[in-house]
Amino acid sequence: MRASGRTGTLPPSDLIYHEHMNTENTPFSTNARLRKLVEGSGLSQMDALALVNRKVGVRKISDSAWKSYFCAEGTSRYRNLSNELLELAEKVLMPLQKDA
């Protein structure tokens, strides 16, 4: 993660900088990044969840919580994806990217 334009500050928790996928260094929402990872892997959302849950540990991500990360922002079901879960999803799904 890179610091934002202000010295010593980090982007808000639902924004993260990804230079390898975004050459303009503009923030992506963590949810949008997850969506791109799943699409790029060629897996269904539920198959991707199964793989991620293998690495989560004791407290698995529920189907309902996972689906909420793919909902449109502003809807009642939408939930922000944490940076920690995004980093885990990246570790699991990056090697599966078909167009990376």
PDB file of N, CA and C in Angstrom:
ATOM      1  N   MET A   1       0.840  -1.165   0.000  1.00  0.00           N
ATOM      2  CA  MET A   1       0.000   0.000   0.000  1.00  0.00           C
ATOM      3  C   MET A   1       0.885   1.227   0.000  1.00  0.00           C
ATOM      4  N   ARG A   2       0.504   2.217  -0.756  1.00  0.00           N
ATOM      5  CA  ARG A   2       1.282   3.449  -0.830  1.00  0.00           C
ATOM      6  C   ARG A   2       0.566   4.538  -0.062  1.00  0.00           C
ATOM      7  N   ALA A   3       1.324   5.440   0.421  1.00  0.00           N
ATOM      8  CA  ALA A   3       0.744   6.600   1.094  1.00  0.00           C
ATOM      9  C   ALA A   3       0.018   7.453   0.075  1.00  0.00           C
ATOM     10  N   SER A   4      -1.034   8.113   0.531  1.00  0.00           N
ATOM     11  CA  SER A   4      -1.761   9.016  -0.364  1.00  0.00           C
ATOM     12  C   SER A   4      -0.918  10.261  -0.606  1.00  0.00           C
ATOM     13  N   GLY A   5      -1.472  11.239  -1.294  1.00  0.00           N
ATOM     14  CA  GLY A   5      -0.733  12.445  -1.620  1.00  0.00           C
ATOM     15  C   GLY A   5      -0.255  13.212  -0.406  1.00  0.00           C
ATOM     16  N   ARG A   6      -0.877  13.017   0.731  1.00  0.00           N
ATOM     17  CA  ARG A   6      -0.457  13.696   1.946  1.00  0.00           C
ATOM     18  C   ARG A   6       0.633  12.885   2.630  1.00  0.00           C
ATOM     19  N   THR A   7       1.644  13.532   3.088  1.00  0.00           N
ATOM     20  CA  THR A   7       2.775  12.867   3.724  1.00  0.00           C
ATOM     21  C   THR A   7       2.344  12.168   5.001  1.00  0.00           C
ATOM     22  N   GLY A   8       2.730  10.882   5.127  1.00  0.00           N
ATOM     23  CA  GLY A   8       2.492  10.139   6.350  1.00  0.00           C
ATOM     24  C   GLY A   8       1.079   9.639   6.537  1.00  0.00           C
ATOM     25  N   THR A   9       0.226   9.725   5.537  1.00  0.00           N
ATOM     26  CA  THR A   9      -1.138   9.238   5.691  1.00  0.00           C
ATOM     27  C   THR A   9      -1.374   8.089   4.730  1.00  0.00           C
ATOM     28  N   LEU A  10      -2.298   7.248   5.090  1.00  0.00           N
ATOM     29  CA  LEU A  10      -2.685   6.141   4.236  1.00  0.00           C
ATOM     30  C   LEU A  10      -4.076   6.398   3.693  1.00  0.00           C
ATOM     31  N   PRO A  11      -4.415   5.760   2.592  1.00  0.00           N
ATOM     32  CA  PRO A  11      -5.761   5.935   2.044  1.00  0.00           C
ATOM     33  C   PRO A  11      -6.811   5.402   3.026  1.00  0.00           C
ATOM     34  N   PRO A  12      -8.067   5.823   2.882  1.00  0.00           N
ATOM     35  CA  PRO A  12      -9.122   5.280   3.738  1.00  0.00           C
ATOM     36  C   PRO A  12      -9.143   3.760   3.641  1.00  0.00           C
ATOM     37  N   SER A  13      -9.721   3.106   4.645  1.00  0.00           N
ATOM     38  CA  SER A  13      -9.648   1.654   4.730  1.00  0.00           C
ATOM     39  C   SER A  13     -10.290   0.937   3.553  1.00  0.00           C
ATOM     40  N   ASP A  14     -11.246   1.562   2.865  1.00  0.00           N
ATOM     41  CA  ASP A  14     -11.863   0.875   1.736  1.00  0.00           C
ATOM     42  C   ASP A  14     -11.194   1.230   0.408  1.00  0.00           C
ATOM     43  N   LEU A  15     -10.087   1.969   0.449  1.00  0.00           N
ATOM     44  CA  LEU A  15      -9.347   2.298  -0.764  1.00  0.00           C
ATOM     45  C   LEU A  15      -7.926   1.788  -0.630  1.00  0.00           C
ATOM     46  N   ILE A  16      -7.380   1.314  -1.728  1.00  0.00           N
ATOM     47  CA  ILE A  16      -6.024   0.795  -1.710  1.00  0.00           C
ATOM     48  C   ILE A  16      -5.406   1.083  -3.069  1.00  0.00           C
ATOM     49  N   TYR A  17      -4.119   1.339  -3.100  1.00  0.00           N
ATOM     50  CA  TYR A  17      -3.444   1.632  -4.351  1.00  0.00           C
ATOM     51  C   TYR A  17      -2.825   0.354  -4.908  1.00  0.00           C
ATOM     52  N   HIS A  18      -3.031   0.113  -6.189  1.00  0.00           N
ATOM     53  CA  HIS A  18      -2.485  -1.071  -6.852  1.00  0.00           C
ATOM     54  C   HIS A  18      -1.804  -0.637  -8.137  1.00  0.00           C
ATOM     55  N   GLU A  19      -0.505  -0.469  -8.070  1.00  0.00           N
ATOM     56  CA  GLU A  19       0.227  -0.031  -9.248  1.00  0.00           C
ATOM     57  C   GLU A  19       0.256  -1.083 -10.339  1.00  0.00           C
ATOM     58  N   HIS A  20       0.293  -2.369  -9.965  1.00  0.00           N
ATOM     59  CA  HIS A  20       0.412  -3.413 -10.965  1.00  0.00           C
ATOM     60  C   HIS A  20      -0.832  -3.547 -11.832  1.00  0.00           C
ATOM     61  N   MET A  21      -1.977  -3.107 -11.361  1.00  0.00           N
ATOM     62  CA  MET A  21      -3.198  -3.190 -12.147  1.00  0.00           C
ATOM     63  C   MET A  21      -3.688  -1.812 -12.575  1.00  0.00           C
ATOM     64  N   ASN A  22      -3.111  -0.765 -12.035  1.00  0.00           N
ATOM     65  CA  ASN A  22      -3.627   0.574 -12.261  1.00  0.00           C
ATOM     66  C   ASN A  22      -2.448   1.516 -12.465  1.00  0.00           C
ATOM     67  N   THR A  23      -2.141   1.807 -13.706  1.00  0.00           N
ATOM     68  CA  THR A  23      -0.949   2.590 -14.000  1.00  0.00           C
ATOM     69  C   THR A  23      -1.090   4.058 -13.634  1.00  0.00           C
ATOM     70  N   GLU A  24      -2.284   4.518 -13.350  1.00  0.00           N
ATOM     71  CA  GLU A  24      -2.484   5.930 -13.011  1.00  0.00           C
ATOM     72  C   GLU A  24      -2.356   6.189 -11.518  1.00  0.00           C
ATOM     73  N   ASN A  25      -2.112   5.162 -10.717  1.00  0.00           N
ATOM     74  CA  ASN A  25      -1.989   5.296  -9.266  1.00  0.00           C
ATOM     75  C   ASN A  25      -3.212   5.947  -8.627  1.00  0.00           C
ATOM     76  N   THR A  26      -4.390   5.615  -9.127  1.00  0.00           N
ATOM     77  CA  THR A  26      -5.615   6.096  -8.513  1.00  0.00           C
ATOM     78  C   THR A  26      -6.186   4.979  -7.649  1.00  0.00           C
ATOM     79  N   PRO A  27      -6.945   5.334  -6.615  1.00  0.00           N
ATOM     80  CA  PRO A  27      -7.427   4.299  -5.697  1.00  0.00           C
ATOM     81  C   PRO A  27      -8.517   3.430  -6.302  1.00  0.00           C
ATOM     82  N   PHE A  28      -8.481   2.162  -5.940  1.00  0.00           N
ATOM     83  CA  PHE A  28      -9.538   1.208  -6.244  1.00  0.00           C
ATOM     84  C   PHE A  28     -10.236   0.914  -4.933  1.00  0.00           C
ATOM     85  N   SER A  29     -11.530   0.685  -4.960  1.00  0.00           N
ATOM     86  CA  SER A  29     -12.145   0.186  -3.733  1.00  0.00           C
ATOM     87  C   SER A  29     -11.702  -1.255  -3.577  1.00  0.00           C
ATOM     88  N   THR A  30     -11.613  -1.702  -2.365  1.00  0.00           N
ATOM     89  CA  THR A  30     -11.206  -3.082  -2.127  1.00  0.00           C
ATOM     90  C   THR A  30     -12.219  -4.040  -2.739  1.00  0.00           C
ATOM     91  N   ASN A  31     -13.497  -3.660  -2.718  1.00  0.00           N
ATOM     92  CA  ASN A  31     -14.529  -4.503  -3.312  1.00  0.00           C
ATOM     93  C   ASN A  31     -14.342  -4.618  -4.820  1.00  0.00           C
ATOM     94  N   ALA A  32     -14.038  -3.513  -5.476  1.00  0.00           N
ATOM     95  CA  ALA A  32     -13.821  -3.546  -6.930  1.00  0.00           C
ATOM     96  C   ALA A  32     -12.600  -4.394  -7.258  1.00  0.00           C
ATOM     97  N   ARG A  33     -11.576  -4.308  -6.444  1.00  0.00           N
ATOM     98  CA  ARG A  33     -10.368  -5.109  -6.651  1.00  0.00           C
ATOM     99  C   ARG A  33     -10.690  -6.598  -6.514  1.00  0.00           C
ATOM    100  N   LEU A  34     -11.489  -6.970  -5.505  1.00  0.00           N
ATOM    101  CA  LEU A  34     -11.894  -8.368  -5.337  1.00  0.00           C
ATOM    102  C   LEU A  34     -12.667  -8.846  -6.562  1.00  0.00           C
ATOM    103  N   ARG A  35     -13.580  -8.006  -7.038  1.00  0.00           N
ATOM    104  CA  ARG A  35     -14.365  -8.356  -8.219  1.00  0.00           C
ATOM    105  C   ARG A  35     -13.444  -8.657  -9.404  1.00  0.00           C
ATOM    106  N   LYS A  36     -12.452  -7.813  -9.619  1.00  0.00           N
ATOM    107  CA  LYS A  36     -11.504  -8.016 -10.727  1.00  0.00           C
ATOM    108  C   LYS A  36     -10.686  -9.287 -10.540  1.00  0.00           C
ATOM    109  N   LEU A  37     -10.286  -9.570  -9.313  1.00  0.00           N
ATOM    110  CA  LEU A  37      -9.526 -10.789  -9.036  1.00  0.00           C
ATOM    111  C   LEU A  37     -10.341 -12.035  -9.357  1.00  0.00           C
ATOM    112  N   VAL A  38     -11.605 -12.044  -8.939  1.00  0.00           N
ATOM    113  CA  VAL A  38     -12.455 -13.207  -9.193  1.00  0.00           C
ATOM    114  C   VAL A  38     -12.723 -13.343 -10.690  1.00  0.00           C
ATOM    115  N   GLU A  39     -13.049 -12.241 -11.352  1.00  0.00           N
ATOM    116  CA  GLU A  39     -13.276 -12.289 -12.805  1.00  0.00           C
ATOM    117  C   GLU A  39     -12.039 -12.770 -13.541  1.00  0.00           C
ATOM    118  N   GLY A  40     -10.875 -12.266 -13.161  1.00  0.00           N
ATOM    119  CA  GLY A  40      -9.634 -12.626 -13.826  1.00  0.00           C
ATOM    120  C   GLY A  40      -9.214 -14.065 -13.599  1.00  0.00           C
ATOM    121  N   SER A  41      -9.709 -14.661 -12.514  1.00  0.00           N
ATOM    122  CA  SER A  41      -9.351 -16.050 -12.216  1.00  0.00           C
ATOM    123  C   SER A  41     -10.168 -17.044 -13.037  1.00  0.00           C
ATOM    124  N   GLY A  42     -11.309 -16.588 -13.551  1.00  0.00           N
ATOM    125  CA  GLY A  42     -12.191 -17.484 -14.284  1.00  0.00           C
ATOM    126  C   GLY A  42     -13.048 -18.348 -13.381  1.00  0.00           C
ATOM    127  N   LEU A  43     -12.967 -18.141 -12.077  1.00  0.00           N
ATOM    128  CA  LEU A  43     -13.754 -18.915 -11.122  1.00  0.00           C
ATOM    129  C   LEU A  43     -15.094 -18.246 -10.860  1.00  0.00           C
ATOM    130  N   SER A  44     -16.048 -19.040 -10.414  1.00  0.00           N
ATOM    131  CA  SER A  44     -17.298 -18.450  -9.935  1.00  0.00           C
ATOM    132  C   SER A  44     -17.006 -17.789  -8.585  1.00  0.00           C
ATOM    133  N   GLN A  45     -17.896 -16.920  -8.145  1.00  0.00           N
ATOM    134  CA  GLN A  45     -17.715 -16.280  -6.844  1.00  0.00           C
ATOM    135  C   GLN A  45     -17.623 -17.328  -5.733  1.00  0.00           C
ATOM    136  N   MET A  46     -18.433 -18.354  -5.807  1.00  0.00           N
ATOM    137  CA  MET A  46     -18.457 -19.358  -4.750  1.00  0.00           C
ATOM    138  C   MET A  46     -17.214 -20.252  -4.780  1.00  0.00           C
ATOM    139  N   ASP A  47     -16.702 -20.552  -5.970  1.00  0.00           N
ATOM    140  CA  ASP A  47     -15.459 -21.327  -6.055  1.00  0.00           C
ATOM    141  C   ASP A  47     -14.286 -20.508  -5.502  1.00  0.00           C
ATOM    142  N   ALA A  48     -14.286 -19.211  -5.805  1.00  0.00           N
ATOM    143  CA  ALA A  48     -13.242 -18.328  -5.271  1.00  0.00           C
ATOM    144  C   ALA A  48     -13.335 -18.278  -3.745  1.00  0.00           C
ATOM    145  N   LEU A  49     -14.544 -18.197  -3.217  1.00  0.00           N
ATOM    146  CA  LEU A  49     -14.736 -18.194  -1.764  1.00  0.00           C
ATOM    147  C   LEU A  49     -14.171 -19.469  -1.147  1.00  0.00           C
ATOM    148  N   ALA A  50     -14.430 -20.608  -1.761  1.00  0.00           N
ATOM    149  CA  ALA A  50     -13.923 -21.877  -1.221  1.00  0.00           C
ATOM    150  C   ALA A  50     -12.398 -21.861  -1.133  1.00  0.00           C
ATOM    151  N   LEU A  51     -11.744 -21.340  -2.168  1.00  0.00           N
ATOM    152  CA  LEU A  51     -10.277 -21.263  -2.141  1.00  0.00           C
ATOM    153  C   LEU A  51      -9.776 -20.295  -1.077  1.00  0.00           C
ATOM    154  N   VAL A  52     -10.403 -19.138  -0.979  1.00  0.00           N
ATOM    155  CA  VAL A  52      -9.991 -18.138   0.013  1.00  0.00           C
ATOM    156  C   VAL A  52     -10.216 -18.684   1.417  1.00  0.00           C
ATOM    157  N   ASN A  53     -11.344 -19.353   1.627  1.00  0.00           N
ATOM    158  CA  ASN A  53     -11.652 -19.880   2.956  1.00  0.00           C
ATOM    159  C   ASN A  53     -10.647 -20.934   3.416  1.00  0.00           C
ATOM    160  N   ARG A  54      -9.976 -21.585   2.493  1.00  0.00           N
ATOM    161  CA  ARG A  54      -8.942 -22.560   2.875  1.00  0.00           C
ATOM    162  C   ARG A  54      -7.789 -21.877   3.600  1.00  0.00           C
ATOM    163  N   LYS A  55      -7.571 -20.590   3.300  1.00  0.00           N
ATOM    164  CA  LYS A  55      -6.460 -19.834   3.893  1.00  0.00           C
ATOM    165  C   LYS A  55      -6.880 -18.944   5.052  1.00  0.00           C
ATOM    166  N   VAL A  56      -8.178 -18.802   5.274  1.00  0.00           N
ATOM    167  CA  VAL A  56      -8.677 -17.874   6.289  1.00  0.00           C
ATOM    168  C   VAL A  56      -8.329 -18.319   7.706  1.00  0.00           C
ATOM    169  N   GLY A  57      -8.390 -19.593   7.969  1.00  0.00           N
ATOM    170  CA  GLY A  57      -8.146 -20.065   9.327  1.00  0.00           C
ATOM    171  C   GLY A  57      -9.437 -20.518   9.966  1.00  0.00           C
ATOM    172  N   VAL A  58      -9.559 -20.246  11.244  1.00  0.00           N
ATOM    173  CA  VAL A  58     -10.692 -20.765  12.013  1.00  0.00           C
ATOM    174  C   VAL A  58     -12.012 -20.121  11.621  1.00  0.00           C
ATOM    175  N   ARG A  59     -12.012 -18.814  11.473  1.00  0.00           N
ATOM    176  CA  ARG A  59     -13.260 -18.092  11.221  1.00  0.00           C
ATOM    177  C   ARG A  59     -13.464 -17.867   9.730  1.00  0.00           C
ATOM    178  N   LYS A  60     -14.175 -18.786   9.085  1.00  0.00           N
ATOM    179  CA  LYS A  60     -14.397 -18.742   7.640  1.00  0.00           C
ATOM    180  C   LYS A  60     -15.337 -17.594   7.269  1.00  0.00           C
ATOM    181  N   ILE A  61     -15.245 -17.167   6.012  1.00  0.00           N
ATOM    182  CA  ILE A  61     -16.141 -16.139   5.472  1.00  0.00           C
ATOM    183  C   ILE A  61     -17.437 -16.845   5.065  1.00  0.00           C
ATOM    184  N   SER A  62     -18.560 -16.341   5.523  1.00  0.00           N
ATOM    185  CA  SER A  62     -19.847 -16.952   5.175  1.00  0.00           C
ATOM    186  C   SER A  62     -20.212 -16.623   3.728  1.00  0.00           C
ATOM    187  N   ASP A  63     -21.074 -17.450   3.151  1.00  0.00           N
ATOM    188  CA  ASP A  63     -21.557 -17.200   1.794  1.00  0.00           C
ATOM    189  C   ASP A  63     -22.201 -15.820   1.703  1.00  0.00           C
ATOM    190  N   SER A  64     -23.002 -15.482   2.702  1.00  0.00           N
ATOM    191  CA  SER A  64     -23.713 -14.205   2.709  1.00  0.00           C
ATOM    192  C   SER A  64     -22.746 -13.026   2.762  1.00  0.00           C
ATOM    193  N   ALA A  65     -21.733 -13.114   3.623  1.00  0.00           N
ATOM    194  CA  ALA A  65     -20.751 -12.032   3.718  1.00  0.00           C
ATOM    195  C   ALA A  65     -19.999 -11.889   2.403  1.00  0.00           C
ATOM    196  N   TRP A  66     -19.571 -13.003   1.812  1.00  0.00           N
ATOM    197  CA  TRP A  66     -18.839 -12.978   0.543  1.00  0.00           C
ATOM    198  C   TRP A  66     -19.674 -12.304  -0.541  1.00  0.00           C
ATOM    199  N   LYS A  67     -20.941 -12.689  -0.645  1.00  0.00           N
ATOM    200  CA  LYS A  67     -21.822 -12.100  -1.668  1.00  0.00           C
ATOM    201  C   LYS A  67     -22.003 -10.603  -1.449  1.00  0.00           C
ATOM    202  N   SER A  68     -21.973 -10.167  -0.186  1.00  0.00           N
ATOM    203  CA  SER A  68     -22.159  -8.740   0.101  1.00  0.00           C
ATOM    204  C   SER A  68     -21.004  -7.903  -0.432  1.00  0.00           C
ATOM    205  N   TYR A  69     -19.821  -8.497  -0.595  1.00  0.00           N
ATOM    206  CA  TYR A  69     -18.671  -7.774  -1.132  1.00  0.00           C
ATOM    207  C   TYR A  69     -18.826  -7.490  -2.624  1.00  0.00           C
ATOM    208  N   PHE A  70     -19.733  -8.191  -3.287  1.00  0.00           N
ATOM    209  CA  PHE A  70     -19.953  -8.021  -4.728  1.00  0.00           C
ATOM    210  C   PHE A  70     -21.181  -7.172  -5.033  1.00  0.00           C
ATOM    211  N   CYS A  71     -21.907  -6.744  -4.018  1.00  0.00           N
ATOM    212  CA  CYS A  71     -23.099  -5.911  -4.209  1.00  0.00           C
ATOM    213  C   CYS A  71     -22.693  -4.479  -4.537  1.00  0.00           C
ATOM    214  N   ALA A  72     -23.608  -3.782  -5.161  1.00  0.00           N
ATOM    215  CA  ALA A  72     -23.360  -2.381  -5.505  1.00  0.00           C
ATOM    216  C   ALA A  72     -23.292  -1.536  -4.242  1.00  0.00           C
ATOM    217  N   GLU A  73     -22.322  -0.626  -4.217  1.00  0.00           N
ATOM    218  CA  GLU A  73     -22.182   0.275  -3.077  1.00  0.00           C
ATOM    219  C   GLU A  73     -23.456   1.097  -2.935  1.00  0.00           C
ATOM    220  N   GLY A  74     -23.882   1.269  -1.714  1.00  0.00           N
ATOM    221  CA  GLY A  74     -25.098   2.034  -1.460  1.00  0.00           C
ATOM    222  C   GLY A  74     -26.326   1.160  -1.287  1.00  0.00           C
ATOM    223  N   THR A  75     -26.229  -0.114  -1.667  1.00  0.00           N
ATOM    224  CA  THR A  75     -27.357  -1.013  -1.443  1.00  0.00           C
ATOM    225  C   THR A  75     -27.318  -1.499   0.003  1.00  0.00           C
ATOM    226  N   SER A  76     -28.448  -1.978   0.485  1.00  0.00           N
ATOM    227  CA  SER A  76     -28.514  -2.397   1.890  1.00  0.00           C
ATOM    228  C   SER A  76     -27.640  -3.619   2.172  1.00  0.00           C
ATOM    229  N   ARG A  77     -27.356  -4.409   1.177  1.00  0.00           N
ATOM    230  CA  ARG A  77     -26.560  -5.622   1.395  1.00  0.00           C
ATOM    231  C   ARG A  77     -25.049  -5.380   1.285  1.00  0.00           C
ATOM    232  N   TYR A  78     -24.641  -4.287   0.696  1.00  0.00           N
ATOM    233  CA  TYR A  78     -23.222  -3.984   0.481  1.00  0.00           C
ATOM    234  C   TYR A  78     -22.454  -3.948   1.795  1.00  0.00           C
ATOM    235  N   ARG A  79     -21.258  -4.528   1.769  1.00  0.00           N
ATOM    236  CA  ARG A  79     -20.351  -4.491   2.924  1.00  0.00           C
ATOM    237  C   ARG A  79     -18.944  -4.211   2.404  1.00  0.00           C
ATOM    238  N   ASN A  80     -18.220  -3.312   3.063  1.00  0.00           N
ATOM    239  CA  ASN A  80     -16.834  -3.029   2.680  1.00  0.00           C
ATOM    240  C   ASN A  80     -15.949  -4.236   2.960  1.00  0.00           C
ATOM    241  N   LEU A  81     -15.080  -4.549   2.011  1.00  0.00           N
ATOM    242  CA  LEU A  81     -14.085  -5.601   2.185  1.00  0.00           C
ATOM    243  C   LEU A  81     -12.871  -5.001   2.888  1.00  0.00           C
ATOM    244  N   SER A  82     -12.417  -5.635   3.943  1.00  0.00           N
ATOM    245  CA  SER A  82     -11.254  -5.113   4.668  1.00  0.00           C
ATOM    246  C   SER A  82      -9.982  -5.311   3.852  1.00  0.00           C
ATOM    247  N   ASN A  83      -9.002  -4.475   4.120  1.00  0.00           N
ATOM    248  CA  ASN A  83      -7.702  -4.610   3.451  1.00  0.00           C
ATOM    249  C   ASN A  83      -7.081  -5.974   3.744  1.00  0.00           C
ATOM    250  N   GLU A  84      -7.271  -6.475   4.963  1.00  0.00           N
ATOM    251  CA  GLU A  84      -6.702  -7.773   5.340  1.00  0.00           C
ATOM    252  C   GLU A  84      -7.288  -8.901   4.502  1.00  0.00           C
ATOM    253  N   LEU A  85      -8.617  -8.884   4.304  1.00  0.00           N
ATOM    254  CA  LEU A  85      -9.232  -9.924   3.477  1.00  0.00           C
ATOM    255  C   LEU A  85      -8.834  -9.767   2.011  1.00  0.00           C
ATOM    256  N   LEU A  86      -8.698  -8.532   1.552  1.00  0.00           N
ATOM    257  CA  LEU A  86      -8.254  -8.324   0.176  1.00  0.00           C
ATOM    258  C   LEU A  86      -6.848  -8.890  -0.016  1.00  0.00           C
ATOM    259  N   GLU A  87      -5.958  -8.625   0.917  1.00  0.00           N
ATOM    260  CA  GLU A  87      -4.589  -9.144   0.797  1.00  0.00           C
ATOM    261  C   GLU A  87      -4.584 -10.666   0.750  1.00  0.00           C
ATOM    262  N   LEU A  88      -5.426 -11.296   1.545  1.00  0.00           N
ATOM    263  CA  LEU A  88      -5.530 -12.754   1.530  1.00  0.00           C
ATOM    264  C   LEU A  88      -6.069 -13.235   0.180  1.00  0.00           C
ATOM    265  N   ALA A  89      -7.117 -12.576  -0.311  1.00  0.00           N
ATOM    266  CA  ALA A  89      -7.691 -12.943  -1.610  1.00  0.00           C
ATOM    267  C   ALA A  89      -6.661 -12.768  -2.726  1.00  0.00           C
ATOM    268  N   GLU A  90      -5.850 -11.718  -2.642  1.00  0.00           N
ATOM    269  CA  GLU A  90      -4.807 -11.512  -3.652  1.00  0.00           C
ATOM    270  C   GLU A  90      -3.793 -12.657  -3.640  1.00  0.00           C
ATOM    271  N   LYS A  91      -3.383 -13.091  -2.460  1.00  0.00           N
ATOM    272  CA  LYS A  91      -2.428 -14.199  -2.363  1.00  0.00           C
ATOM    273  C   LYS A  91      -2.975 -15.467  -2.997  1.00  0.00           C
ATOM    274  N   VAL A  92      -4.276 -15.697  -2.813  1.00  0.00           N
ATOM    275  CA  VAL A  92      -4.904 -16.910  -3.316  1.00  0.00           C
ATOM    276  C   VAL A  92      -5.224 -16.802  -4.812  1.00  0.00           C
ATOM    277  N   LEU A  93      -5.739 -15.645  -5.238  1.00  0.00           N
ATOM    278  CA  LEU A  93      -6.285 -15.525  -6.590  1.00  0.00           C
ATOM    279  C   LEU A  93      -5.327 -14.959  -7.628  1.00  0.00           C
ATOM    280  N   MET A  94      -4.294 -14.234  -7.207  1.00  0.00           N
ATOM    281  CA  MET A  94      -3.349 -13.669  -8.189  1.00  0.00           C
ATOM    282  C   MET A  94      -2.692 -14.744  -9.062  1.00  0.00           C
ATOM    283  N   PRO A  95      -2.266 -15.879  -8.498  1.00  0.00           N
ATOM    284  CA  PRO A  95      -1.647 -16.899  -9.353  1.00  0.00           C
ATOM    285  C   PRO A  95      -2.605 -17.484 -10.398  1.00  0.00           C
ATOM    286  N   LEU A  96      -3.905 -17.261 -10.231  1.00  0.00           N
ATOM    287  CA  LEU A  96      -4.897 -17.822 -11.145  1.00  0.00           C
ATOM    288  C   LEU A  96      -5.325 -16.854 -12.242  1.00  0.00           C
ATOM    289  N   GLN A  97      -4.780 -15.641 -12.234  1.00  0.00           N
ATOM    290  CA  GLN A  97      -5.200 -14.623 -13.198  1.00  0.00           C
ATOM    291  C   GLN A  97      -4.853 -15.048 -14.622  1.00  0.00           C
ATOM    292  N   LYS A  98      -5.836 -14.996 -15.484  1.00  0.00           N
ATOM    293  CA  LYS A  98      -5.662 -15.426 -16.870  1.00  0.00           C
ATOM    294  C   LYS A  98      -5.078 -14.322 -17.754  1.00  0.00           C
ATOM    295  N   ASP A  99      -5.316 -13.055 -17.379  1.00  0.00           N
ATOM    296  CA  ASP A  99      -4.838 -11.956 -18.220  1.00  0.00           C
ATOM    297  C   ASP A  99      -3.809 -11.104 -17.501  1.00  0.00           C
ATOM    298  N   ALA A 100      -3.169 -11.629 -16.486  1.00  0.00           N
ATOM    299  CA  ALA A 100      -2.155 -10.858 -15.757  1.00  0.00           C
ATOM    300  C   ALA A 100      -0.762 -11.215 -16.258  1.00  0.00           C
TER     301      ALA A 100
END
